[in-house]
Amino acid sequence: MPGAEYLIRPSSHDGWLAIRANSLAEVLIPRGYSVEPGAGFGDLHLQGSGFEVSFADEDPGWYVGFDGDISRVNTDEFVAQVARQVQESTGTSTEWVRVT
């Protein structure tokens, strides 16, 4: 079970946050964080120092799940940065919510 789960969605609650497959890493790897793409669950899986992050394109937005030792990661700020980058990429206003 993930240590924290989030959803990044359009703030209008309408439409999709479409990101081209060849742009996933560029858009979903948050600037300022030391994470690298790796093998694992989802459309994009990231490896950090002692933790992993999975992204999955789901209705109504992007699911973000953290696993491992997240005690030294501000997961809210991590997801907020990703949401800003998704907004920049798609031109659609975003919001994020913590699911667990």
C-alpha atoms as a PDB file:
ATOM      1  CA  MET A   1       0.000   0.000   0.000  1.00  0.00           C
ATOM      2  CA  PRO A   2       1.414   3.399  -0.941  1.00  0.00           C
ATOM      3  CA  GLY A   3       2.674   5.736   1.775  1.00  0.00           C
ATOM      4  CA  ALA A   4       0.759   8.650   0.258  1.00  0.00           C
ATOM      5  CA  GLU A   5      -1.598   8.973  -2.699  1.00  0.00           C
ATOM      6  CA  TYR A   6      -2.654  12.049  -4.633  1.00  0.00           C
ATOM      7  CA  LEU A   7      -4.710  13.061  -7.626  1.00  0.00           C
ATOM      8  CA  ILE A   8      -3.783  15.934  -9.930  1.00  0.00           C
ATOM      9  CA  ARG A   9      -6.858  16.990 -11.892  1.00  0.00           C
ATOM     10  CA  PRO A  10      -8.250  19.894 -13.896  1.00  0.00           C
ATOM     11  CA  SER A  11      -9.488  22.536 -11.453  1.00  0.00           C
ATOM     12  CA  SER A  12     -12.654  22.887 -13.564  1.00  0.00           C
ATOM     13  CA  HIS A  13     -13.289  19.151 -13.003  1.00  0.00           C
ATOM     14  CA  ASP A  14     -13.873  18.908 -16.777  1.00  0.00           C
ATOM     15  CA  GLY A  15     -11.637  17.590 -19.512  1.00  0.00           C
ATOM     16  CA  TRP A  16      -8.328  15.757 -19.407  1.00  0.00           C
ATOM     17  CA  LEU A  17      -4.735  16.555 -18.602  1.00  0.00           C
ATOM     18  CA  ALA A  18      -3.284  14.951 -21.717  1.00  0.00           C
ATOM     19  CA  ILE A  19       0.498  14.587 -21.732  1.00  0.00           C
ATOM     20  CA  ARG A  20       2.247  12.996 -24.703  1.00  0.00           C
ATOM     21  CA  ALA A  21       3.989   9.721 -23.827  1.00  0.00           C
ATOM     22  CA  ASN A  22       7.338  11.059 -25.037  1.00  0.00           C
ATOM     23  CA  SER A  23       6.983  14.066 -22.683  1.00  0.00           C
ATOM     24  CA  LEU A  24       6.042  12.250 -19.467  1.00  0.00           C
ATOM     25  CA  ALA A  25       9.463  12.480 -17.820  1.00  0.00           C
ATOM     26  CA  GLU A  26       9.903  16.128 -18.810  1.00  0.00           C
ATOM     27  CA  VAL A  27       6.496  17.095 -17.389  1.00  0.00           C
ATOM     28  CA  LEU A  28       6.146  14.762 -14.379  1.00  0.00           C
ATOM     29  CA  ILE A  29       9.660  14.860 -12.892  1.00  0.00           C
ATOM     30  CA  PRO A  30       9.467  17.866 -10.569  1.00  0.00           C
ATOM     31  CA  ARG A  31      12.183  20.462 -10.917  1.00  0.00           C
ATOM     32  CA  GLY A  32      14.381  20.581  -7.829  1.00  0.00           C
ATOM     33  CA  TYR A  33      14.002  16.924  -6.801  1.00  0.00           C
ATOM     34  CA  SER A  34      16.604  14.168  -7.152  1.00  0.00           C
ATOM     35  CA  VAL A  35      14.546  11.428  -8.765  1.00  0.00           C
ATOM     36  CA  GLU A  36      15.190   9.325 -11.862  1.00  0.00           C
ATOM     37  CA  PRO A  37      12.922   7.227 -14.087  1.00  0.00           C
ATOM     38  CA  GLY A  38      12.992   3.529 -13.271  1.00  0.00           C
ATOM     39  CA  ALA A  39      11.110   0.297 -13.777  1.00  0.00           C
ATOM     40  CA  GLY A  40       7.842  -0.068 -11.917  1.00  0.00           C
ATOM     41  CA  PHE A  41       4.105   0.520 -11.820  1.00  0.00           C
ATOM     42  CA  GLY A  42       2.262   3.106 -13.870  1.00  0.00           C
ATOM     43  CA  ASP A  43       2.822   5.311 -16.880  1.00  0.00           C
ATOM     44  CA  LEU A  44       5.976   6.727 -15.257  1.00  0.00           C
ATOM     45  CA  HIS A  45       7.860   5.350 -12.254  1.00  0.00           C
ATOM     46  CA  LEU A  46      10.513   7.350 -10.413  1.00  0.00           C
ATOM     47  CA  GLN A  47      13.243   6.273  -8.002  1.00  0.00           C
ATOM     48  CA  GLY A  48      14.400   8.584  -5.227  1.00  0.00           C
ATOM     49  CA  SER A  49      16.642   8.101  -2.216  1.00  0.00           C
ATOM     50  CA  GLY A  50      14.748   5.382  -0.339  1.00  0.00           C
ATOM     51  CA  PHE A  51      11.379   6.068  -1.974  1.00  0.00           C
ATOM     52  CA  GLU A  52       9.529   5.543  -5.244  1.00  0.00           C
ATOM     53  CA  VAL A  53       6.826   7.519  -7.039  1.00  0.00           C
ATOM     54  CA  SER A  54       4.349   6.108  -9.544  1.00  0.00           C
ATOM     55  CA  PHE A  55       2.207   8.132 -11.955  1.00  0.00           C
ATOM     56  CA  ALA A  56      -0.847   6.728 -13.717  1.00  0.00           C
ATOM     57  CA  ASP A  57      -3.140   8.528 -16.142  1.00  0.00           C
ATOM     58  CA  GLU A  58      -6.610   7.885 -14.741  1.00  0.00           C
ATOM     59  CA  ASP A  59     -10.039   9.426 -14.945  1.00  0.00           C
ATOM     60  CA  PRO A  60     -10.214  12.271 -13.901  1.00  0.00           C
ATOM     61  CA  GLY A  61      -6.489  13.098 -13.801  1.00  0.00           C
ATOM     62  CA  TRP A  62      -3.042  11.862 -12.818  1.00  0.00           C
ATOM     63  CA  TYR A  63      -2.732   9.468  -9.869  1.00  0.00           C
ATOM     64  CA  VAL A  64       0.506   9.915  -7.897  1.00  0.00           C
ATOM     65  CA  GLY A  65       1.540   7.241  -5.392  1.00  0.00           C
ATOM     66  CA  PHE A  66       4.538   7.320  -3.046  1.00  0.00           C
ATOM     67  CA  ASP A  67       6.110   4.163  -1.597  1.00  0.00           C
ATOM     68  CA  GLY A  68       9.016   3.641   0.747  1.00  0.00           C
ATOM     69  CA  ASP A  69      10.584   6.044   3.243  1.00  0.00           C
ATOM     70  CA  ILE A  70       8.826   9.350   2.567  1.00  0.00           C
ATOM     71  CA  SER A  71       9.698  10.827   5.964  1.00  0.00           C
ATOM     72  CA  ARG A  72      12.260  13.168   4.374  1.00  0.00           C
ATOM     73  CA  VAL A  73      10.091  14.116   1.387  1.00  0.00           C
ATOM     74  CA  ASN A  74       7.500  16.875   1.538  1.00  0.00           C
ATOM     75  CA  THR A  75       5.050  14.947  -0.625  1.00  0.00           C
ATOM     76  CA  ASP A  76       2.575  17.859  -0.724  1.00  0.00           C
ATOM     77  CA  GLU A  77       5.189  20.198  -2.203  1.00  0.00           C
ATOM     78  CA  PHE A  78       6.439  17.479  -4.566  1.00  0.00           C
ATOM     79  CA  VAL A  79       2.918  17.036  -5.976  1.00  0.00           C
ATOM     80  CA  ALA A  80       2.267  20.792  -6.028  1.00  0.00           C
ATOM     81  CA  GLN A  81       5.375  21.245  -8.200  1.00  0.00           C
ATOM     82  CA  VAL A  82       4.272  18.461 -10.545  1.00  0.00           C
ATOM     83  CA  ALA A  83       0.789  20.036 -10.765  1.00  0.00           C
ATOM     84  CA  ARG A  84       2.356  23.375 -11.760  1.00  0.00           C
ATOM     85  CA  GLN A  85       4.389  21.651 -14.468  1.00  0.00           C
ATOM     86  CA  VAL A  86       1.319  19.769 -15.750  1.00  0.00           C
ATOM     87  CA  GLN A  87      -0.540  23.091 -15.908  1.00  0.00           C
ATOM     88  CA  GLU A  88       2.334  24.681 -17.852  1.00  0.00           C
ATOM     89  CA  SER A  89       2.440  21.738 -20.275  1.00  0.00           C
ATOM     90  CA  THR A  90      -1.286  21.347 -20.885  1.00  0.00           C
ATOM     91  CA  GLY A  91      -2.451  24.950 -20.552  1.00  0.00           C
ATOM     92  CA  THR A  92      -5.202  23.682 -18.234  1.00  0.00           C
ATOM     93  CA  SER A  93      -5.549  24.971 -14.681  1.00  0.00           C
ATOM     94  CA  THR A  94      -4.858  22.177 -12.186  1.00  0.00           C
ATOM     95  CA  GLU A  95      -5.512  21.318  -8.575  1.00  0.00           C
ATOM     96  CA  TRP A  96      -4.266  18.456  -6.468  1.00  0.00           C
ATOM     97  CA  VAL A  97      -5.829  16.524  -3.607  1.00  0.00           C
ATOM     98  CA  ARG A  98      -4.360  14.045  -1.176  1.00  0.00           C
ATOM     99  CA  VAL A  99      -6.309  10.805  -1.292  1.00  0.00           C
ATOM    100  CA  THR A 100      -4.511   9.041   1.616  1.00  0.00           C
END
